[in-house]
Amino acid sequence: MTASHTSVLLPCAAEFYRPSAAPLLAQFVRPAATEIPPDVHITAILAELAEGDHVAAPAGKKHDKLVAIAADAREHGIDLSIVVVPGNPARDSDLRDVATTVGQSVHGTVAVFSDDWVGTYSDSISRARLEWAEDGAKYTGGRSDDAARTFVSHLERPDHMSWPAVTTVLVAGTVLVAGGLRWVKARRAAAPA
């Protein structure tokens, strides 16, 4: 006697996808928790940012230059707060966690600089644009003022392409090509053989 393939596979599928397996799987497959590096104190950062200059940096990190950079960004419509942390955390994504935590209290755009990495949060600038600006500001060897200046200059640049215009041109081109092909096909069908 032979069994159909569905009768053989269904018990296996039912066993594998049983509802009781979902909670067990969820215990092991979770997104990584937000992790603030142990030497970063959010309350101290928020207190320093609340002083009004929108910069929280350890002593010796060219505080005046960072204040000028933050002020320049604000003059250009970017509500920027700059945070500098000493060293590099274990993962570069920890800086984004710090920026997100600070950004929930400060609002606007928050850039957190370590010696070589940048983490950002913004409630007004897209993630793609932030990461593009981050790329230019990484690996400055602890020169936070250079990294911040590069970050702000990238954000101040206008977009090189107008994506709605690109989309319009592509759609119009597609319509013209389709219309042209239809016209050629109609002419060939009407032409005597």
N, C-alpha and C. Protein backbone atom coordinates (compact mmCIF):
# COMPACT_ATOMS: atom_id res chain seq x y z
N MET A 1 0.85 -1.17 0.00
CA MET A 1 0.00 0.00 0.00
C MET A 1 0.89 1.24 0.00
N THR A 2 0.56 2.20 -0.84
CA THR A 2 1.33 3.43 -0.90
C THR A 2 0.53 4.57 -0.28
N ALA A 3 1.24 5.48 0.30
CA ALA A 3 0.59 6.64 0.91
C ALA A 3 0.86 7.86 0.04
N SER A 4 -0.12 8.72 0.00
CA SER A 4 0.10 9.95 -0.77
C SER A 4 1.11 10.83 -0.02
N HIS A 5 1.73 11.70 -0.75
CA HIS A 5 2.77 12.54 -0.14
C HIS A 5 2.19 13.47 0.93
N THR A 6 0.94 13.89 0.78
CA THR A 6 0.38 14.80 1.78
C THR A 6 0.13 14.10 3.10
N SER A 7 -0.27 12.82 3.05
CA SER A 7 -0.54 12.13 4.31
C SER A 7 0.74 11.85 5.07
N VAL A 8 1.85 11.77 4.36
CA VAL A 8 3.13 11.51 5.02
C VAL A 8 3.68 12.80 5.62
N LEU A 9 3.54 13.92 4.91
CA LEU A 9 4.15 15.16 5.36
C LEU A 9 3.33 15.92 6.39
N LEU A 10 2.04 15.78 6.37
CA LEU A 10 1.21 16.55 7.30
C LEU A 10 1.49 16.25 8.76
N PRO A 11 1.66 15.00 9.18
CA PRO A 11 1.97 14.80 10.59
C PRO A 11 3.29 15.45 11.00
N CYS A 12 4.28 15.43 10.11
CA CYS A 12 5.56 16.07 10.42
C CYS A 12 5.38 17.57 10.55
N ALA A 13 4.64 18.14 9.62
CA ALA A 13 4.42 19.58 9.66
C ALA A 13 3.64 19.97 10.90
N ALA A 14 2.65 19.19 11.25
CA ALA A 14 1.86 19.49 12.44
C ALA A 14 2.72 19.39 13.69
N GLU A 15 3.63 18.44 13.72
CA GLU A 15 4.50 18.28 14.88
C GLU A 15 5.48 19.45 14.99
N PHE A 16 6.04 19.87 13.85
CA PHE A 16 7.04 20.94 13.87
C PHE A 16 6.42 22.30 14.20
N TYR A 17 5.23 22.56 13.68
CA TYR A 17 4.61 23.87 13.85
C TYR A 17 3.57 23.91 14.95
N ARG A 18 3.69 23.05 15.89
CA ARG A 18 2.68 23.06 16.96
C ARG A 18 2.75 24.39 17.72
N PRO A 19 1.61 24.90 18.16
CA PRO A 19 1.57 26.20 18.81
C PRO A 19 2.42 26.27 20.08
N SER A 20 2.62 25.17 20.77
CA SER A 20 3.39 25.22 22.01
C SER A 20 4.88 25.47 21.75
N ALA A 21 5.34 25.32 20.51
CA ALA A 21 6.75 25.55 20.20
C ALA A 21 7.06 27.04 20.07
N ALA A 22 6.07 27.86 19.78
CA ALA A 22 6.30 29.29 19.57
C ALA A 22 6.87 29.98 20.82
N PRO A 23 6.29 29.80 22.01
CA PRO A 23 6.89 30.47 23.17
C PRO A 23 8.31 29.99 23.46
N LEU A 24 8.57 28.73 23.21
CA LEU A 24 9.91 28.20 23.44
C LEU A 24 10.91 28.86 22.49
N LEU A 25 10.51 29.01 21.23
CA LEU A 25 11.38 29.65 20.25
C LEU A 25 11.58 31.13 20.58
N ALA A 26 10.55 31.79 21.08
CA ALA A 26 10.64 33.21 21.41
C ALA A 26 11.61 33.48 22.54
N GLN A 27 11.87 32.48 23.37
CA GLN A 27 12.83 32.66 24.46
C GLN A 27 14.25 32.83 23.93
N PHE A 28 14.53 32.27 22.78
CA PHE A 28 15.89 32.29 22.26
C PHE A 28 16.09 33.27 21.11
N VAL A 29 15.02 33.62 20.40
CA VAL A 29 15.13 34.50 19.25
C VAL A 29 14.48 35.84 19.62
N ARG A 30 15.29 36.76 20.07
CA ARG A 30 14.81 38.08 20.45
C ARG A 30 15.80 39.12 19.94
N PRO A 31 15.30 40.33 19.71
CA PRO A 31 16.25 41.38 19.35
C PRO A 31 17.17 41.68 20.53
N ALA A 32 18.35 42.15 20.23
CA ALA A 32 19.29 42.50 21.29
C ALA A 32 18.73 43.65 22.11
N ALA A 33 18.91 43.57 23.39
CA ALA A 33 18.42 44.61 24.29
C ALA A 33 19.26 45.87 24.13
N THR A 34 18.62 47.00 24.40
CA THR A 34 19.35 48.25 24.40
C THR A 34 20.43 48.17 25.46
N GLU A 35 21.63 48.52 25.07
CA GLU A 35 22.73 48.41 26.01
C GLU A 35 23.52 49.72 26.05
N ILE A 36 23.50 50.33 27.21
CA ILE A 36 24.27 51.54 27.43
C ILE A 36 25.61 51.13 28.02
N PRO A 37 26.73 51.58 27.46
CA PRO A 37 28.03 51.22 28.03
C PRO A 37 28.11 51.60 29.50
N PRO A 38 28.81 50.81 30.31
CA PRO A 38 28.83 51.04 31.76
C PRO A 38 29.46 52.37 32.18
N ASP A 39 30.36 52.92 31.37
CA ASP A 39 30.99 54.18 31.76
C ASP A 39 30.25 55.41 31.24
N VAL A 40 29.05 55.22 30.68
CA VAL A 40 28.23 56.32 30.19
C VAL A 40 27.08 56.53 31.17
N HIS A 41 26.96 57.74 31.68
CA HIS A 41 25.93 58.06 32.66
C HIS A 41 24.93 59.02 32.02
N ILE A 42 23.77 58.48 31.69
CA ILE A 42 22.75 59.25 30.96
C ILE A 42 22.31 60.47 31.75
N THR A 43 22.12 60.34 33.06
CA THR A 43 21.66 61.50 33.85
C THR A 43 22.68 62.64 33.80
N ALA A 44 23.97 62.32 33.85
CA ALA A 44 25.00 63.36 33.76
C ALA A 44 24.99 64.01 32.38
N ILE A 45 24.78 63.21 31.34
CA ILE A 45 24.73 63.75 29.97
C ILE A 45 23.54 64.69 29.83
N LEU A 46 22.37 64.26 30.32
CA LEU A 46 21.17 65.09 30.22
C LEU A 46 21.34 66.39 31.00
N ALA A 47 21.98 66.32 32.17
CA ALA A 47 22.21 67.53 32.96
C ALA A 47 23.14 68.49 32.23
N GLU A 48 24.17 67.96 31.59
CA GLU A 48 25.11 68.81 30.85
C GLU A 48 24.45 69.43 29.62
N LEU A 49 23.60 68.66 28.94
CA LEU A 49 22.90 69.20 27.77
C LEU A 49 21.90 70.27 28.18
N ALA A 50 21.33 70.13 29.38
CA ALA A 50 20.33 71.09 29.85
C ALA A 50 20.94 72.45 30.19
N GLU A 51 22.26 72.54 30.26
CA GLU A 51 22.91 73.82 30.55
C GLU A 51 22.72 74.82 29.43
N GLY A 52 22.29 74.36 28.27
CA GLY A 52 21.94 75.28 27.19
C GLY A 52 22.88 75.34 26.02
N ASP A 53 24.09 74.76 26.12
CA ASP A 53 25.00 74.83 24.98
C ASP A 53 24.88 73.62 24.06
N HIS A 54 24.04 72.65 24.43
CA HIS A 54 23.74 71.47 23.62
C HIS A 54 24.95 70.58 23.37
N VAL A 55 25.90 70.59 24.29
CA VAL A 55 27.09 69.75 24.18
C VAL A 55 27.37 69.11 25.53
N ALA A 56 27.62 67.80 25.51
CA ALA A 56 28.06 67.06 26.70
C ALA A 56 29.34 66.34 26.32
N ALA A 57 30.45 66.79 26.89
CA ALA A 57 31.75 66.21 26.53
C ALA A 57 32.66 66.19 27.76
N PRO A 58 33.54 65.18 27.84
CA PRO A 58 34.50 65.17 28.94
C PRO A 58 35.49 66.33 28.82
N ALA A 59 36.13 66.64 29.91
CA ALA A 59 37.12 67.73 29.91
C ALA A 59 38.23 67.43 28.90
N GLY A 60 38.69 68.46 28.23
CA GLY A 60 39.78 68.30 27.27
C GLY A 60 39.34 67.90 25.88
N LYS A 61 38.05 67.92 25.58
CA LYS A 61 37.57 67.52 24.25
C LYS A 61 37.17 68.72 23.40
N LYS A 62 37.84 69.86 23.58
CA LYS A 62 37.59 71.06 22.77
C LYS A 62 36.11 71.46 22.82
N HIS A 63 35.66 71.65 24.04
CA HIS A 63 34.26 71.95 24.31
C HIS A 63 33.79 73.19 23.53
N ASP A 64 34.62 74.23 23.47
CA ASP A 64 34.22 75.46 22.78
C ASP A 64 33.99 75.23 21.29
N LYS A 65 34.84 74.42 20.66
CA LYS A 65 34.65 74.12 19.23
C LYS A 65 33.36 73.33 19.01
N LEU A 66 33.08 72.39 19.90
CA LEU A 66 31.85 71.60 19.77
C LEU A 66 30.62 72.48 19.95
N VAL A 67 30.68 73.43 20.89
CA VAL A 67 29.56 74.36 21.09
C VAL A 67 29.34 75.19 19.83
N ALA A 68 30.42 75.65 19.21
CA ALA A 68 30.31 76.44 17.97
C ALA A 68 29.71 75.60 16.84
N ILE A 69 30.09 74.34 16.77
CA ILE A 69 29.55 73.45 15.72
C ILE A 69 28.06 73.21 15.94
N ALA A 70 27.66 72.98 17.19
CA ALA A 70 26.23 72.78 17.50
C ALA A 70 25.44 74.04 17.19
N ALA A 71 26.00 75.21 17.52
CA ALA A 71 25.32 76.48 17.23
C ALA A 71 25.18 76.69 15.72
N ASP A 72 26.22 76.35 14.96
CA ASP A 72 26.17 76.48 13.50
C ASP A 72 25.09 75.58 12.92
N ALA A 73 25.00 74.36 13.44
CA ALA A 73 23.96 73.44 12.96
C ALA A 73 22.57 74.00 13.24
N ARG A 74 22.39 74.56 14.42
CA ARG A 74 21.09 75.14 14.77
C ARG A 74 20.75 76.33 13.88
N GLU A 75 21.77 77.12 13.51
CA GLU A 75 21.53 78.24 12.59
C GLU A 75 21.06 77.75 11.22
N HIS A 76 21.46 76.54 10.85
CA HIS A 76 21.06 75.96 9.57
C HIS A 76 19.83 75.06 9.69
N GLY A 77 19.13 75.14 10.82
CA GLY A 77 17.87 74.41 10.98
C GLY A 77 17.99 72.99 11.49
N ILE A 78 19.17 72.60 11.96
CA ILE A 78 19.35 71.25 12.50
C ILE A 78 19.41 71.37 14.02
N ASP A 79 18.40 70.86 14.70
CA ASP A 79 18.30 70.93 16.16
C ASP A 79 19.23 69.87 16.75
N LEU A 80 20.54 70.18 16.83
CA LEU A 80 21.56 69.19 17.15
C LEU A 80 22.06 69.30 18.58
N SER A 81 22.20 68.15 19.22
CA SER A 81 22.88 68.03 20.50
C SER A 81 24.05 67.07 20.30
N ILE A 82 25.23 67.45 20.80
CA ILE A 82 26.44 66.66 20.62
C ILE A 82 26.85 66.05 21.95
N VAL A 83 27.10 64.73 21.94
CA VAL A 83 27.56 64.01 23.12
C VAL A 83 28.87 63.32 22.75
N VAL A 84 29.87 63.45 23.61
CA VAL A 84 31.15 62.78 23.39
C VAL A 84 31.38 61.83 24.56
N VAL A 85 31.69 60.58 24.24
CA VAL A 85 32.00 59.58 25.28
C VAL A 85 33.46 59.17 25.13
N PRO A 86 34.12 58.86 26.23
CA PRO A 86 35.53 58.48 26.15
C PRO A 86 35.70 57.07 25.58
N GLY A 87 36.75 56.88 24.79
CA GLY A 87 37.07 55.56 24.25
C GLY A 87 36.04 55.08 23.25
N ASN A 88 36.05 53.79 23.00
CA ASN A 88 35.07 53.14 22.13
C ASN A 88 34.33 52.09 22.94
N PRO A 89 33.00 52.00 22.81
CA PRO A 89 32.28 50.93 23.50
C PRO A 89 32.57 49.58 22.85
N ALA A 90 32.03 48.52 23.44
CA ALA A 90 32.26 47.18 22.91
C ALA A 90 31.70 47.04 21.49
N ARG A 91 30.55 47.64 21.24
CA ARG A 91 29.92 47.59 19.91
C ARG A 91 29.57 49.00 19.49
N ASP A 92 29.67 49.28 18.20
CA ASP A 92 29.32 50.63 17.75
C ASP A 92 27.83 50.91 17.88
N SER A 93 27.00 49.86 17.88
CA SER A 93 25.56 50.06 18.02
C SER A 93 25.18 50.58 19.41
N ASP A 94 26.08 50.42 20.39
CA ASP A 94 25.80 50.96 21.72
C ASP A 94 25.70 52.48 21.68
N LEU A 95 26.41 53.11 20.77
CA LEU A 95 26.33 54.57 20.64
C LEU A 95 24.96 55.00 20.14
N ARG A 96 24.36 54.22 19.24
CA ARG A 96 23.01 54.53 18.79
C ARG A 96 22.03 54.37 19.95
N ASP A 97 22.26 53.37 20.80
CA ASP A 97 21.40 53.19 21.97
C ASP A 97 21.50 54.40 22.90
N VAL A 98 22.71 54.91 23.09
CA VAL A 98 22.89 56.11 23.92
C VAL A 98 22.17 57.29 23.27
N ALA A 99 22.34 57.47 21.96
CA ALA A 99 21.71 58.58 21.25
C ALA A 99 20.19 58.49 21.33
N THR A 100 19.65 57.29 21.20
CA THR A 100 18.20 57.11 21.27
C THR A 100 17.69 57.42 22.67
N THR A 101 18.39 56.96 23.69
CA THR A 101 17.98 57.22 25.06
C THR A 101 18.02 58.72 25.37
N VAL A 102 19.08 59.38 24.95
CA VAL A 102 19.19 60.83 25.16
C VAL A 102 18.15 61.56 24.33
N GLY A 103 17.94 61.13 23.09
CA GLY A 103 16.99 61.78 22.20
C GLY A 103 15.56 61.72 22.67
N GLN A 104 15.21 60.72 23.45
CA GLN A 104 13.85 60.63 23.98
C GLN A 104 13.58 61.71 25.01
N SER A 105 14.63 62.26 25.60
CA SER A 105 14.47 63.34 26.57
C SER A 105 14.76 64.72 25.98
N VAL A 106 15.71 64.78 25.06
CA VAL A 106 16.17 66.07 24.54
C VAL A 106 15.40 66.49 23.30
N HIS A 107 15.04 65.56 22.45
CA HIS A 107 14.36 65.79 21.17
C HIS A 107 15.31 66.44 20.17
N GLY A 108 14.93 66.41 18.92
CA GLY A 108 15.81 66.90 17.86
C GLY A 108 16.75 65.81 17.39
N THR A 109 17.95 66.18 17.02
CA THR A 109 18.96 65.25 16.54
C THR A 109 20.07 65.15 17.57
N VAL A 110 20.45 63.92 17.90
CA VAL A 110 21.51 63.68 18.87
C VAL A 110 22.60 62.89 18.17
N ALA A 111 23.84 63.37 18.27
CA ALA A 111 25.00 62.66 17.73
C ALA A 111 25.93 62.33 18.89
N VAL A 112 26.25 61.04 19.03
CA VAL A 112 27.14 60.58 20.10
C VAL A 112 28.44 60.13 19.43
N PHE A 113 29.54 60.75 19.82
CA PHE A 113 30.85 60.47 19.24
C PHE A 113 31.73 59.75 20.25
N SER A 114 32.36 58.66 19.81
CA SER A 114 33.42 58.03 20.60
C SER A 114 34.72 58.32 19.86
N ASP A 115 35.79 57.63 20.20
CA ASP A 115 37.06 57.89 19.52
C ASP A 115 36.98 57.59 18.02
N ASP A 116 36.29 56.52 17.64
CA ASP A 116 36.25 56.12 16.23
C ASP A 116 34.85 55.96 15.65
N TRP A 117 33.83 55.98 16.45
CA TRP A 117 32.49 55.68 15.96
C TRP A 117 31.52 56.82 16.26
N VAL A 118 30.36 56.73 15.60
CA VAL A 118 29.30 57.71 15.79
C VAL A 118 27.99 56.96 15.90
N GLY A 119 27.14 57.40 16.81
CA GLY A 119 25.79 56.87 16.92
C GLY A 119 24.83 58.05 16.89
N THR A 120 23.71 57.91 16.21
CA THR A 120 22.80 59.04 16.05
C THR A 120 21.36 58.66 16.31
N TYR A 121 20.58 59.69 16.58
CA TYR A 121 19.13 59.58 16.71
C TYR A 121 18.55 60.91 16.22
N SER A 122 17.43 60.86 15.55
CA SER A 122 16.76 62.09 15.14
C SER A 122 15.28 61.85 15.00
N ASP A 123 14.51 62.85 15.41
CA ASP A 123 13.07 62.76 15.20
C ASP A 123 12.65 63.56 13.96
N SER A 124 13.64 64.09 13.21
CA SER A 124 13.30 64.88 12.02
C SER A 124 14.12 64.53 10.78
N ILE A 125 15.20 63.79 10.93
CA ILE A 125 16.07 63.45 9.80
C ILE A 125 16.02 61.94 9.58
N SER A 126 15.95 61.52 8.34
CA SER A 126 15.82 60.09 8.04
C SER A 126 17.05 59.31 8.47
N ARG A 127 16.85 58.04 8.77
CA ARG A 127 17.95 57.16 9.19
C ARG A 127 19.00 57.05 8.09
N ALA A 128 18.57 56.99 6.81
CA ALA A 128 19.52 56.87 5.70
C ALA A 128 20.43 58.10 5.64
N ARG A 129 19.86 59.27 5.81
CA ARG A 129 20.66 60.50 5.77
C ARG A 129 21.60 60.57 6.97
N LEU A 130 21.12 60.15 8.15
CA LEU A 130 21.97 60.14 9.34
C LEU A 130 23.16 59.21 9.15
N GLU A 131 22.91 58.03 8.62
CA GLU A 131 24.00 57.07 8.45
C GLU A 131 24.99 57.52 7.38
N TRP A 132 24.50 58.22 6.36
CA TRP A 132 25.39 58.78 5.36
C TRP A 132 26.32 59.81 6.02
N ALA A 133 25.75 60.64 6.89
CA ALA A 133 26.56 61.64 7.60
C ALA A 133 27.51 60.96 8.60
N GLU A 134 27.06 59.88 9.22
CA GLU A 134 27.91 59.13 10.16
C GLU A 134 29.15 58.57 9.46
N ASP A 135 28.97 58.05 8.27
CA ASP A 135 30.08 57.40 7.56
C ASP A 135 31.27 58.33 7.39
N GLY A 136 31.01 59.58 7.10
CA GLY A 136 32.11 60.53 6.93
C GLY A 136 32.76 60.94 8.24
N ALA A 137 32.03 60.77 9.34
CA ALA A 137 32.53 61.23 10.64
C ALA A 137 33.22 60.14 11.45
N LYS A 138 33.28 58.93 10.94
CA LYS A 138 33.91 57.83 11.69
C LYS A 138 35.43 57.85 11.53
N TYR A 139 36.08 57.19 12.45
CA TYR A 139 37.53 56.95 12.41
C TYR A 139 38.35 58.24 12.34
N THR A 140 38.07 59.16 13.26
CA THR A 140 38.83 60.41 13.33
C THR A 140 39.87 60.37 14.43
N GLY A 141 40.05 59.25 15.08
CA GLY A 141 41.09 59.11 16.09
C GLY A 141 40.87 59.94 17.33
N GLY A 142 39.63 60.11 17.74
CA GLY A 142 39.33 60.85 18.96
C GLY A 142 39.21 62.35 18.77
N ARG A 143 39.33 62.84 17.55
CA ARG A 143 39.16 64.27 17.29
C ARG A 143 37.67 64.55 17.09
N SER A 144 36.97 64.70 18.20
CA SER A 144 35.51 64.84 18.18
C SER A 144 35.07 66.09 17.43
N ASP A 145 35.85 67.16 17.51
CA ASP A 145 35.46 68.38 16.81
C ASP A 145 35.50 68.18 15.29
N ASP A 146 36.51 67.47 14.79
CA ASP A 146 36.57 67.17 13.36
C ASP A 146 35.41 66.27 12.94
N ALA A 147 35.13 65.26 13.75
CA ALA A 147 34.03 64.35 13.45
C ALA A 147 32.70 65.09 13.44
N ALA A 148 32.48 65.95 14.43
CA ALA A 148 31.22 66.70 14.50
C ALA A 148 31.09 67.66 13.33
N ARG A 149 32.18 68.32 12.96
CA ARG A 149 32.14 69.24 11.82
C ARG A 149 31.80 68.48 10.53
N THR A 150 32.41 67.33 10.34
CA THR A 150 32.12 66.51 9.15
C THR A 150 30.67 66.05 9.15
N PHE A 151 30.19 65.61 10.31
CA PHE A 151 28.81 65.15 10.44
C PHE A 151 27.83 66.26 10.06
N VAL A 152 28.04 67.45 10.62
CA VAL A 152 27.13 68.57 10.36
C VAL A 152 27.22 69.01 8.90
N SER A 153 28.42 69.04 8.34
CA SER A 153 28.54 69.46 6.94
C SER A 153 27.82 68.50 6.00
N HIS A 154 27.83 67.21 6.32
CA HIS A 154 27.08 66.25 5.51
C HIS A 154 25.57 66.50 5.64
N LEU A 155 25.11 66.80 6.85
CA LEU A 155 23.68 67.04 7.04
C LEU A 155 23.23 68.35 6.39
N GLU A 156 24.12 69.33 6.32
CA GLU A 156 23.76 70.63 5.74
C GLU A 156 23.72 70.60 4.22
N ARG A 157 24.39 69.64 3.61
CA ARG A 157 24.38 69.55 2.14
C ARG A 157 22.99 69.17 1.66
N PRO A 158 22.54 69.80 0.58
CA PRO A 158 21.25 69.39 0.02
C PRO A 158 21.38 68.02 -0.65
N ASP A 159 20.26 67.34 -0.76
CA ASP A 159 20.26 66.06 -1.47
C ASP A 159 20.71 66.29 -2.91
N HIS A 160 21.54 65.38 -3.41
CA HIS A 160 22.03 65.51 -4.77
C HIS A 160 20.96 65.17 -5.80
N MET A 161 20.03 64.34 -5.41
CA MET A 161 19.00 63.93 -6.36
C MET A 161 17.63 64.21 -5.77
N SER A 162 16.75 64.63 -6.64
CA SER A 162 15.36 64.77 -6.26
C SER A 162 14.67 63.46 -6.62
N TRP A 163 14.42 62.63 -5.62
CA TRP A 163 13.87 61.31 -5.90
C TRP A 163 12.49 61.36 -6.54
N PRO A 164 11.62 62.30 -6.21
CA PRO A 164 10.35 62.39 -6.96
C PRO A 164 10.59 62.69 -8.45
N ALA A 165 11.58 63.52 -8.76
CA ALA A 165 11.88 63.82 -10.16
C ALA A 165 12.41 62.58 -10.87
N VAL A 166 13.28 61.83 -10.21
CA VAL A 166 13.81 60.59 -10.80
C VAL A 166 12.68 59.61 -11.07
N THR A 167 11.78 59.46 -10.11
CA THR A 167 10.64 58.55 -10.27
C THR A 167 9.75 59.00 -11.42
N THR A 168 9.49 60.30 -11.52
CA THR A 168 8.65 60.82 -12.60
C THR A 168 9.28 60.55 -13.96
N VAL A 169 10.58 60.77 -14.09
CA VAL A 169 11.27 60.52 -15.36
C VAL A 169 11.21 59.03 -15.72
N LEU A 170 11.43 58.15 -14.74
CA LEU A 170 11.38 56.71 -15.02
C LEU A 170 9.99 56.26 -15.44
N VAL A 171 8.96 56.75 -14.76
CA VAL A 171 7.58 56.38 -15.11
C VAL A 171 7.23 56.93 -16.49
N ALA A 172 7.58 58.18 -16.76
CA ALA A 172 7.29 58.77 -18.07
C ALA A 172 8.03 58.02 -19.18
N GLY A 173 9.28 57.65 -18.93
CA GLY A 173 10.03 56.88 -19.92
C GLY A 173 9.40 55.53 -20.19
N THR A 174 8.95 54.86 -19.14
CA THR A 174 8.29 53.56 -19.31
C THR A 174 7.01 53.70 -20.11
N VAL A 175 6.22 54.74 -19.82
CA VAL A 175 4.97 54.97 -20.56
C VAL A 175 5.27 55.26 -22.03
N LEU A 176 6.29 56.06 -22.30
CA LEU A 176 6.65 56.37 -23.69
C LEU A 176 7.12 55.13 -24.44
N VAL A 177 7.94 54.32 -23.82
CA VAL A 177 8.41 53.09 -24.47
C VAL A 177 7.25 52.14 -24.73
N ALA A 178 6.36 51.97 -23.75
CA ALA A 178 5.21 51.08 -23.93
C ALA A 178 4.29 51.61 -25.03
N GLY A 179 4.06 52.92 -25.03
CA GLY A 179 3.22 53.52 -26.08
C GLY A 179 3.86 53.38 -27.45
N GLY A 180 5.17 53.59 -27.53
CA GLY A 180 5.88 53.45 -28.81
C GLY A 180 5.82 52.03 -29.33
N LEU A 181 6.01 51.05 -28.46
CA LEU A 181 5.93 49.65 -28.88
C LEU A 181 4.53 49.30 -29.36
N ARG A 182 3.53 49.81 -28.67
CA ARG A 182 2.14 49.54 -29.08
C ARG A 182 1.87 50.16 -30.45
N TRP A 183 2.37 51.37 -30.68
CA TRP A 183 2.18 52.05 -31.96
C TRP A 183 2.86 51.26 -33.08
N VAL A 184 4.11 50.81 -32.85
CA VAL A 184 4.83 50.02 -33.86
C VAL A 184 4.08 48.73 -34.14
N LYS A 185 3.58 48.07 -33.11
CA LYS A 185 2.86 46.82 -33.28
C LYS A 185 1.58 47.04 -34.09
N ALA A 186 0.88 48.14 -33.80
CA ALA A 186 -0.35 48.44 -34.55
C ALA A 186 -0.04 48.74 -36.01
N ARG A 187 1.04 49.43 -36.31
CA ARG A 187 1.42 49.72 -37.69
C ARG A 187 1.77 48.46 -38.45
N ARG A 188 2.48 47.54 -37.77
CA ARG A 188 2.86 46.30 -38.44
C ARG A 188 1.64 45.43 -38.72
N ALA A 189 0.68 45.45 -37.80
CA ALA A 189 -0.52 44.64 -38.00
C ALA A 189 -1.38 45.21 -39.13
N ALA A 190 -1.39 46.53 -39.29
CA ALA A 190 -2.20 47.17 -40.33
C ALA A 190 -1.53 47.14 -41.70
N ALA A 191 -0.24 46.95 -41.75
CA ALA A 191 0.49 46.96 -43.02
C ALA A 191 0.16 45.69 -43.81
N PRO A 192 0.00 45.84 -45.14
CA PRO A 192 -0.26 44.65 -45.95
C PRO A 192 0.98 43.75 -46.01
N ALA A 193 0.74 42.49 -46.03
CA ALA A 193 1.84 41.53 -46.02
C ALA A 193 2.51 41.37 -47.34
